Amino acid sequence: MQKVPFLELSGIAESATDALFLIRDLKPDIVFLDIEMPEMTGFELLKLLPATRPAMIMITADPSYALEGYEHELTDYLLKPVSFERFLKAVNKVDGARFPKHSPGTSEPQDKMVSPTKESQEKVPDAEFSGARNDFLLLKENKKLIKVAPSEIHFIEGMRDYLKLYWSDRVAVIHMTMAKIEEALPSAQFLRVNRSYIVNKKVIREIEGNEITTNSGRKIPIGVTYRANVLAALQRNRI
């Protein structure tokens, strides 16, 4: 691993069972774990690891796993194809003191500390954006089309190439950019409050300093470049 000399490859597993024993025996600092594996999924493997497990970085080509991945408190979640720069960013999240930051190179990593082979397993139902109409958005989930009225959406959280859409009592992960979803939403009803969040004005309970509190108690920071627009909307009694 010439481009990452501060990492040492401890082992490669060909199945989830092999990965489980390797992790317990070698006790690596970081594990790069695929979700789709023979015998069990990556999420099922996580449940078998002790509480003092290594830092876990999931790798997958399917963005629909993102929500479940964050619920498992993963260090990071990488979508294929993974660039070398993105790979280093994930590694640097583990421990800045233990692994000093290095300048990214131009090629992609070839080795993984644990890199199980893939085979189809059960998937979390994915959702994708299928279009917008005047009064609703269309989300495609499995073989169903779901109508979501903008008024039902509380806020949207952006995470690189996918979004978490919070509406009513549900959360959907869709493969879409913030710019595209912002175009699909009525601008009079929604505020872009930072690079990663769009908020429905009706769910804003209060603004204190550079932070929004929603009706559900969620704290959302206001970005420096967005602050003037958010405050102007407040002063116009639009919130």
C-alpha atoms as a PDB file:
ATOM      1  CA  MET A   1       0.000   0.000   0.000  1.00  0.00           C
ATOM      2  CA  GLN A   2       2.574   2.502  -1.224  1.00  0.00           C
ATOM      3  CA  LYS A   3       0.214   5.468  -1.368  1.00  0.00           C
ATOM      4  CA  VAL A   4      -0.946   4.962   2.231  1.00  0.00           C
ATOM      5  CA  PRO A   5       2.206   3.954   4.146  1.00  0.00           C
ATOM      6  CA  PHE A   6       0.521   4.807   7.451  1.00  0.00           C
ATOM      7  CA  LEU A   7      -1.874   1.871   6.892  1.00  0.00           C
ATOM      8  CA  GLU A   8      -0.968  -1.792   7.136  1.00  0.00           C
ATOM      9  CA  LEU A   9      -3.139  -4.450   5.512  1.00  0.00           C
ATOM     10  CA  SER A  10      -3.987  -6.935   8.274  1.00  0.00           C
ATOM     11  CA  GLY A  11      -6.108  -9.370   6.310  1.00  0.00           C
ATOM     12  CA  ILE A  12      -8.681 -10.006   3.601  1.00  0.00           C
ATOM     13  CA  ALA A  13     -11.796 -12.111   4.188  1.00  0.00           C
ATOM     14  CA  GLU A  14     -13.673 -14.032   1.510  1.00  0.00           C
ATOM     15  CA  SER A  15     -16.895 -14.365   3.518  1.00  0.00           C
ATOM     16  CA  ALA A  16     -18.688 -12.811   6.456  1.00  0.00           C
ATOM     17  CA  THR A  17     -17.703 -15.721   8.701  1.00  0.00           C
ATOM     18  CA  ASP A  18     -14.027 -15.333   7.789  1.00  0.00           C
ATOM     19  CA  ALA A  19     -14.312 -11.593   8.405  1.00  0.00           C
ATOM     20  CA  LEU A  20     -15.786 -12.173  11.865  1.00  0.00           C
ATOM     21  CA  PHE A  21     -12.899 -14.390  12.960  1.00  0.00           C
ATOM     22  CA  LEU A  22     -10.273 -12.150  11.372  1.00  0.00           C
ATOM     23  CA  ILE A  23     -11.610  -9.087  13.149  1.00  0.00           C
ATOM     24  CA  ARG A  24     -11.606 -10.894  16.496  1.00  0.00           C
ATOM     25  CA  ASP A  25      -8.123 -12.355  16.008  1.00  0.00           C
ATOM     26  CA  LEU A  26      -6.290  -9.444  14.376  1.00  0.00           C
ATOM     27  CA  LYS A  27      -8.113  -6.598  16.175  1.00  0.00           C
ATOM     28  CA  PRO A  28      -7.579  -4.048  13.364  1.00  0.00           C
ATOM     29  CA  ASP A  29      -8.086  -0.325  13.894  1.00  0.00           C
ATOM     30  CA  ILE A  30     -10.213   0.037  10.753  1.00  0.00           C
ATOM     31  CA  VAL A  31     -12.394  -2.411   8.836  1.00  0.00           C
ATOM     32  CA  PHE A  32     -13.601  -1.751   5.282  1.00  0.00           C
ATOM     33  CA  LEU A  33     -16.760  -3.797   5.073  1.00  0.00           C
ATOM     34  CA  ASP A  34     -18.957  -4.587   2.100  1.00  0.00           C
ATOM     35  CA  ILE A  35     -22.684  -4.869   2.771  1.00  0.00           C
ATOM     36  CA  GLU A  36     -23.508  -7.709   0.386  1.00  0.00           C
ATOM     37  CA  MET A  37     -21.596 -10.861   1.363  1.00  0.00           C
ATOM     38  CA  PRO A  38     -22.058 -14.622   1.398  1.00  0.00           C
ATOM     39  CA  GLU A  39     -23.677 -16.102   4.517  1.00  0.00           C
ATOM     40  CA  MET A  40     -24.806 -12.809   6.054  1.00  0.00           C
ATOM     41  CA  THR A  41     -24.957  -9.100   5.290  1.00  0.00           C
ATOM     42  CA  GLY A  42     -22.529  -6.538   6.606  1.00  0.00           C
ATOM     43  CA  PHE A  43     -25.190  -5.220   8.959  1.00  0.00           C
ATOM     44  CA  GLU A  44     -25.761  -8.698  10.385  1.00  0.00           C
ATOM     45  CA  LEU A  45     -22.023  -9.030  10.899  1.00  0.00           C
ATOM     46  CA  LEU A  46     -21.938  -5.743  12.809  1.00  0.00           C
ATOM     47  CA  LYS A  47     -24.437  -7.116  15.325  1.00  0.00           C
ATOM     48  CA  LEU A  48     -22.056  -9.982  16.149  1.00  0.00           C
ATOM     49  CA  LEU A  49     -19.110  -7.736  16.948  1.00  0.00           C
ATOM     50  CA  PRO A  50     -18.381  -6.596  20.515  1.00  0.00           C
ATOM     51  CA  ALA A  51     -19.154  -3.049  21.612  1.00  0.00           C
ATOM     52  CA  THR A  52     -15.449  -2.173  21.446  1.00  0.00           C
ATOM     53  CA  ARG A  53     -15.301  -2.944  17.742  1.00  0.00           C
ATOM     54  CA  PRO A  54     -12.903  -1.340  15.219  1.00  0.00           C
ATOM     55  CA  ALA A  55     -13.861   1.743  13.261  1.00  0.00           C
ATOM     56  CA  MET A  56     -16.211   0.478  10.537  1.00  0.00           C
ATOM     57  CA  ILE A  57     -16.274   1.980   7.040  1.00  0.00           C
ATOM     58  CA  MET A  58     -18.955   0.533   4.774  1.00  0.00           C
ATOM     59  CA  ILE A  59     -18.472   0.280   1.006  1.00  0.00           C
ATOM     60  CA  THR A  60     -21.375  -0.297  -1.387  1.00  0.00           C
ATOM     61  CA  ALA A  61     -22.726   0.674  -4.785  1.00  0.00           C
ATOM     62  CA  ASP A  62     -26.286   0.989  -3.426  1.00  0.00           C
ATOM     63  CA  PRO A  63     -27.182   4.329  -1.736  1.00  0.00           C
ATOM     64  CA  SER A  64     -30.353   2.831  -0.259  1.00  0.00           C
ATOM     65  CA  TYR A  65     -28.279   1.372   2.571  1.00  0.00           C
ATOM     66  CA  ALA A  66     -27.186   4.810   3.785  1.00  0.00           C
ATOM     67  CA  LEU A  67     -29.864   5.341   6.434  1.00  0.00           C
ATOM     68  CA  GLU A  68     -29.362   1.926   8.029  1.00  0.00           C
ATOM     69  CA  GLY A  69     -25.607   2.500   7.894  1.00  0.00           C
ATOM     70  CA  TYR A  70     -25.835   5.674   9.944  1.00  0.00           C
ATOM     71  CA  GLU A  71     -28.115   3.955  12.446  1.00  0.00           C
ATOM     72  CA  HIS A  72     -25.268   1.480  13.047  1.00  0.00           C
ATOM     73  CA  GLU A  73     -22.958   4.403  13.905  1.00  0.00           C
ATOM     74  CA  LEU A  74     -20.483   3.733  11.132  1.00  0.00           C
ATOM     75  CA  THR A  75     -17.432   5.939  10.850  1.00  0.00           C
ATOM     76  CA  ASP A  76     -18.162   6.557   7.185  1.00  0.00           C
ATOM     77  CA  TYR A  77     -20.132   5.245   4.233  1.00  0.00           C
ATOM     78  CA  LEU A  78     -18.466   5.053   0.811  1.00  0.00           C
ATOM     79  CA  LEU A  79     -20.368   4.758  -2.452  1.00  0.00           C
ATOM     80  CA  LYS A  80     -18.677   2.960  -5.343  1.00  0.00           C
ATOM     81  CA  PRO A  81     -16.724   3.893  -7.347  1.00  0.00           C
ATOM     82  CA  VAL A  82     -14.562   5.233  -4.504  1.00  0.00           C
ATOM     83  CA  SER A  83     -11.909   7.787  -5.390  1.00  0.00           C
ATOM     84  CA  PHE A  84      -8.592   7.773  -3.568  1.00  0.00           C
ATOM     85  CA  GLU A  85      -9.329  11.226  -2.157  1.00  0.00           C
ATOM     86  CA  ARG A  86     -12.644  10.043  -0.712  1.00  0.00           C
ATOM     87  CA  PHE A  87     -10.937   6.938   0.675  1.00  0.00           C
ATOM     88  CA  LEU A  88      -8.379   9.068   2.553  1.00  0.00           C
ATOM     89  CA  LYS A  89     -11.093  11.350   3.876  1.00  0.00           C
ATOM     90  CA  ALA A  90     -12.862   8.351   5.397  1.00  0.00           C
ATOM     91  CA  VAL A  91      -9.632   7.080   6.961  1.00  0.00           C
ATOM     92  CA  ASN A  92      -8.856  10.487   8.453  1.00  0.00           C
ATOM     93  CA  LYS A  93     -12.233  10.482  10.175  1.00  0.00           C
ATOM     94  CA  VAL A  94     -11.155   7.525  12.318  1.00  0.00           C
ATOM     95  CA  ASP A  95      -8.520   9.253  14.365  1.00  0.00           C
ATOM     96  CA  GLY A  96      -6.675  12.365  13.253  1.00  0.00           C
ATOM     97  CA  ALA A  97      -4.021  11.831  15.903  1.00  0.00           C
ATOM     98  CA  ARG A  98      -3.400   8.163  15.061  1.00  0.00           C
ATOM     99  CA  PHE A  99      -3.518   8.567  11.288  1.00  0.00           C
ATOM    100  CA  PRO A 100      -2.025  11.901  10.120  1.00  0.00           C
ATOM    101  CA  LYS A 101      -3.661  13.514   7.121  1.00  0.00           C
ATOM    102  CA  HIS A 102      -1.953  12.940   3.764  1.00  0.00           C
ATOM    103  CA  SER A 103      -2.421  14.633   0.445  1.00  0.00           C
ATOM    104  CA  PRO A 104      -4.654  12.628  -1.851  1.00  0.00           C
ATOM    105  CA  GLY A 105      -3.162  10.918  -4.874  1.00  0.00           C
ATOM    106  CA  THR A 106      -4.699  10.165  -8.232  1.00  0.00           C
ATOM    107  CA  SER A 107      -5.322   6.438  -8.162  1.00  0.00           C
ATOM    108  CA  GLU A 108      -7.835   4.346  -6.269  1.00  0.00           C
ATOM    109  CA  PRO A 109      -6.979   2.025  -3.360  1.00  0.00           C
ATOM    110  CA  GLN A 110      -6.396  -1.585  -4.332  1.00  0.00           C
ATOM    111  CA  ASP A 111      -6.387  -3.224  -0.896  1.00  0.00           C
ATOM    112  CA  LYS A 112      -8.829  -3.363   1.980  1.00  0.00           C
ATOM    113  CA  MET A 113      -8.206  -4.462   5.530  1.00  0.00           C
ATOM    114  CA  VAL A 114     -11.323  -6.601   5.246  1.00  0.00           C
ATOM    115  CA  SER A 115     -12.801  -6.948   1.781  1.00  0.00           C
ATOM    116  CA  PRO A 116     -15.409  -9.725   1.576  1.00  0.00           C
ATOM    117  CA  THR A 117     -16.676 -10.921  -1.776  1.00  0.00           C
ATOM    118  CA  LYS A 118     -20.200  -9.903  -2.746  1.00  0.00           C
ATOM    119  CA  GLU A 119     -23.364 -11.874  -3.215  1.00  0.00           C
ATOM    120  CA  SER A 120     -26.948 -10.655  -3.185  1.00  0.00           C
ATOM    121  CA  GLN A 121     -28.702 -10.577   0.176  1.00  0.00           C
ATOM    122  CA  GLU A 122     -31.785  -8.832   1.490  1.00  0.00           C
ATOM    123  CA  LYS A 123     -31.778  -5.087   0.882  1.00  0.00           C
ATOM    124  CA  VAL A 124     -33.303  -2.163   2.674  1.00  0.00           C
ATOM    125  CA  PRO A 125     -36.061  -0.849   0.371  1.00  0.00           C
ATOM    126  CA  ASP A 126     -34.553   1.934  -1.691  1.00  0.00           C
ATOM    127  CA  ALA A 127     -36.254   5.090  -2.837  1.00  0.00           C
ATOM    128  CA  GLU A 128     -35.489   7.241  -5.823  1.00  0.00           C
ATOM    129  CA  PHE A 129     -36.754  10.554  -7.080  1.00  0.00           C
ATOM    130  CA  SER A 130     -39.052  10.000 -10.032  1.00  0.00           C
ATOM    131  CA  GLY A 131     -40.183  13.532 -10.749  1.00  0.00           C
ATOM    132  CA  ALA A 132     -42.031  16.577  -9.515  1.00  0.00           C
ATOM    133  CA  ARG A 133     -45.505  17.903 -10.164  1.00  0.00           C
ATOM    134  CA  ASN A 134     -47.104  21.172  -9.182  1.00  0.00           C
ATOM    135  CA  ASP A 135     -48.392  19.885  -5.877  1.00  0.00           C
ATOM    136  CA  PHE A 136     -46.324  16.794  -5.050  1.00  0.00           C
ATOM    137  CA  LEU A 137     -43.072  14.914  -5.524  1.00  0.00           C
ATOM    138  CA  LEU A 138     -42.919  11.349  -6.755  1.00  0.00           C
ATOM    139  CA  LEU A 139     -40.685   8.838  -4.992  1.00  0.00           C
ATOM    140  CA  LYS A 140     -40.198   5.369  -6.367  1.00  0.00           C
ATOM    141  CA  GLU A 141     -39.824   2.708  -3.663  1.00  0.00           C
ATOM    142  CA  ASN A 142     -39.478  -0.864  -4.880  1.00  0.00           C
ATOM    143  CA  LYS A 143     -42.350  -1.139  -7.381  1.00  0.00           C
ATOM    144  CA  LYS A 144     -44.467   1.572  -5.803  1.00  0.00           C
ATOM    145  CA  LEU A 145     -44.789   5.254  -6.634  1.00  0.00           C
ATOM    146  CA  ILE A 146     -45.280   7.380  -3.539  1.00  0.00           C
ATOM    147  CA  LYS A 147     -46.743  10.881  -3.674  1.00  0.00           C
ATOM    148  CA  VAL A 148     -45.174  13.261  -1.174  1.00  0.00           C
ATOM    149  CA  ALA A 149     -46.690  16.703  -0.806  1.00  0.00           C
ATOM    150  CA  PRO A 150     -44.082  19.427  -0.114  1.00  0.00           C
ATOM    151  CA  SER A 151     -46.087  20.457   2.952  1.00  0.00           C
ATOM    152  CA  GLU A 152     -45.396  17.006   4.440  1.00  0.00           C
ATOM    153  CA  ILE A 153     -41.614  17.372   4.149  1.00  0.00           C
ATOM    154  CA  HIS A 154     -39.936  18.629   7.320  1.00  0.00           C
ATOM    155  CA  PHE A 155     -36.370  18.964   6.110  1.00  0.00           C
ATOM    156  CA  ILE A 156     -33.835  17.430   3.761  1.00  0.00           C
ATOM    157  CA  GLU A 157     -30.300  16.451   4.696  1.00  0.00           C
ATOM    158  CA  GLY A 158     -27.666  16.184   1.989  1.00  0.00           C
ATOM    159  CA  MET A 159     -24.833  13.638   2.142  1.00  0.00           C
ATOM    160  CA  ARG A 160     -22.663  13.764  -0.992  1.00  0.00           C
ATOM    161  CA  ASP A 161     -24.518  11.892  -3.758  1.00  0.00           C
ATOM    162  CA  TYR A 162     -27.673  11.093  -1.826  1.00  0.00           C
ATOM    163  CA  LEU A 163     -30.250  12.798   0.376  1.00  0.00           C
ATOM    164  CA  LYS A 164     -32.230  11.911   3.471  1.00  0.00           C
ATOM    165  CA  LEU A 165     -35.790  13.130   3.063  1.00  0.00           C
ATOM    166  CA  TYR A 166     -37.690  13.539   6.337  1.00  0.00           C
ATOM    167  CA  TRP A 167     -41.462  13.726   5.995  1.00  0.00           C
ATOM    168  CA  SER A 168     -44.321  12.950   8.374  1.00  0.00           C
ATOM    169  CA  ASP A 169     -43.055   9.946  10.363  1.00  0.00           C
ATOM    170  CA  ARG A 170     -40.823   8.552   7.625  1.00  0.00           C
ATOM    171  CA  VAL A 171     -37.309   8.943   6.288  1.00  0.00           C
ATOM    172  CA  ALA A 172     -36.295   8.053   2.733  1.00  0.00           C
ATOM    173  CA  VAL A 173     -32.823   7.943   1.224  1.00  0.00           C
ATOM    174  CA  ILE A 174     -32.770   9.047  -2.401  1.00  0.00           C
ATOM    175  CA  HIS A 175     -29.932   9.255  -4.901  1.00  0.00           C
ATOM    176  CA  MET A 176     -30.109  12.913  -5.843  1.00  0.00           C
ATOM    177  CA  THR A 177     -28.233  16.208  -5.417  1.00  0.00           C
ATOM    178  CA  MET A 178     -29.240  19.123  -3.205  1.00  0.00           C
ATOM    179  CA  ALA A 179     -29.386  21.421  -6.236  1.00  0.00           C
ATOM    180  CA  LYS A 180     -31.884  19.201  -8.026  1.00  0.00           C
ATOM    181  CA  ILE A 181     -34.216  18.724  -5.049  1.00  0.00           C
ATOM    182  CA  GLU A 182     -34.053  22.464  -4.344  1.00  0.00           C
ATOM    183  CA  GLU A 183     -35.301  23.146  -7.873  1.00  0.00           C
ATOM    184  CA  ALA A 184     -38.188  20.707  -7.358  1.00  0.00           C
ATOM    185  CA  LEU A 185     -39.385  22.299  -4.106  1.00  0.00           C
ATOM    186  CA  PRO A 186     -41.477  25.512  -3.908  1.00  0.00           C
ATOM    187  CA  SER A 187     -39.015  28.273  -2.968  1.00  0.00           C
ATOM    188  CA  ALA A 188     -41.664  30.189  -1.005  1.00  0.00           C
ATOM    189  CA  GLN A 189     -42.050  27.232   1.360  1.00  0.00           C
ATOM    190  CA  PHE A 190     -38.467  26.005   1.824  1.00  0.00           C
ATOM    191  CA  LEU A 191     -35.215  27.556   2.966  1.00  0.00           C
ATOM    192  CA  ARG A 192     -31.698  26.401   2.136  1.00  0.00           C
ATOM    193  CA  VAL A 193     -30.043  27.052   5.503  1.00  0.00           C
ATOM    194  CA  ASN A 194     -26.604  25.573   4.809  1.00  0.00           C
ATOM    195  CA  ARG A 195     -24.857  23.399   2.230  1.00  0.00           C
ATOM    196  CA  SER A 196     -26.368  20.234   3.695  1.00  0.00           C
ATOM    197  CA  TYR A 197     -29.894  21.206   4.798  1.00  0.00           C
ATOM    198  CA  ILE A 198     -33.114  22.496   3.267  1.00  0.00           C
ATOM    199  CA  VAL A 199     -35.843  23.214   5.824  1.00  0.00           C
ATOM    200  CA  ASN A 200     -39.600  23.648   5.518  1.00  0.00           C
ATOM    201  CA  LYS A 201     -40.384  27.060   7.043  1.00  0.00           C
ATOM    202  CA  LYS A 202     -43.444  25.730   8.858  1.00  0.00           C
ATOM    203  CA  VAL A 203     -41.381  23.362  11.024  1.00  0.00           C
ATOM    204  CA  ILE A 204     -39.020  26.078  12.292  1.00  0.00           C
ATOM    205  CA  ARG A 205     -39.832  26.639  15.952  1.00  0.00           C
ATOM    206  CA  GLU A 206     -37.101  29.138  16.768  1.00  0.00           C
ATOM    207  CA  ILE A 207     -33.796  30.603  15.624  1.00  0.00           C
ATOM    208  CA  GLU A 208     -31.110  31.308  18.174  1.00  0.00           C
ATOM    209  CA  GLY A 209     -27.750  32.571  17.023  1.00  0.00           C
ATOM    210  CA  ASN A 210     -26.700  30.443  14.073  1.00  0.00           C
ATOM    211  CA  GLU A 211     -28.977  27.522  14.891  1.00  0.00           C
ATOM    212  CA  ILE A 212     -32.505  26.532  13.941  1.00  0.00           C
ATOM    213  CA  THR A 213     -34.654  24.385  16.213  1.00  0.00           C
ATOM    214  CA  THR A 214     -37.473  22.496  14.502  1.00  0.00           C
ATOM    215  CA  ASN A 215     -40.815  21.575  16.058  1.00  0.00           C
ATOM    216  CA  SER A 216     -39.432  18.097  16.725  1.00  0.00           C
ATOM    217  CA  GLY A 217     -36.418  19.513  18.565  1.00  0.00           C
ATOM    218  CA  ARG A 218     -33.889  18.868  15.790  1.00  0.00           C
ATOM    219  CA  LYS A 219     -31.000  21.362  15.815  1.00  0.00           C
ATOM    220  CA  ILE A 220     -29.835  22.532  12.382  1.00  0.00           C
ATOM    221  CA  PRO A 221     -26.938  24.985  11.934  1.00  0.00           C
ATOM    222  CA  ILE A 222     -27.285  28.039   9.707  1.00  0.00           C
ATOM    223  CA  GLY A 223     -24.409  28.437   7.278  1.00  0.00           C
ATOM    224  CA  VAL A 224     -22.556  31.752   7.168  1.00  0.00           C
ATOM    225  CA  THR A 225     -23.393  32.375   3.514  1.00  0.00           C
ATOM    226  CA  TYR A 226     -27.074  31.501   4.074  1.00  0.00           C
ATOM    227  CA  ARG A 227     -27.650  33.480   7.258  1.00  0.00           C
ATOM    228  CA  ALA A 228     -28.710  36.746   5.583  1.00  0.00           C
ATOM    229  CA  ASN A 229     -31.352  34.984   3.481  1.00  0.00           C
ATOM    230  CA  VAL A 230     -32.724  33.074   6.488  1.00  0.00           C
ATOM    231  CA  LEU A 231     -32.976  36.240   8.598  1.00  0.00           C
ATOM    232  CA  ALA A 232     -34.557  38.161   5.734  1.00  0.00           C
ATOM    233  CA  ALA A 233     -37.235  35.490   5.430  1.00  0.00           C
ATOM    234  CA  LEU A 234     -37.840  35.759   9.179  1.00  0.00           C
ATOM    235  CA  GLN A 235     -38.151  39.535   9.041  1.00  0.00           C
ATOM    236  CA  ARG A 236     -40.681  39.240   6.217  1.00  0.00           C
ATOM    237  CA  ASN A 237     -42.788  37.085   8.557  1.00  0.00           C
ATOM    238  CA  ARG A 238     -42.458  34.134   6.237  1.00  0.00           C
ATOM    239  CA  ILE A 239     -41.353  31.692   8.938  1.00  0.00           C
END
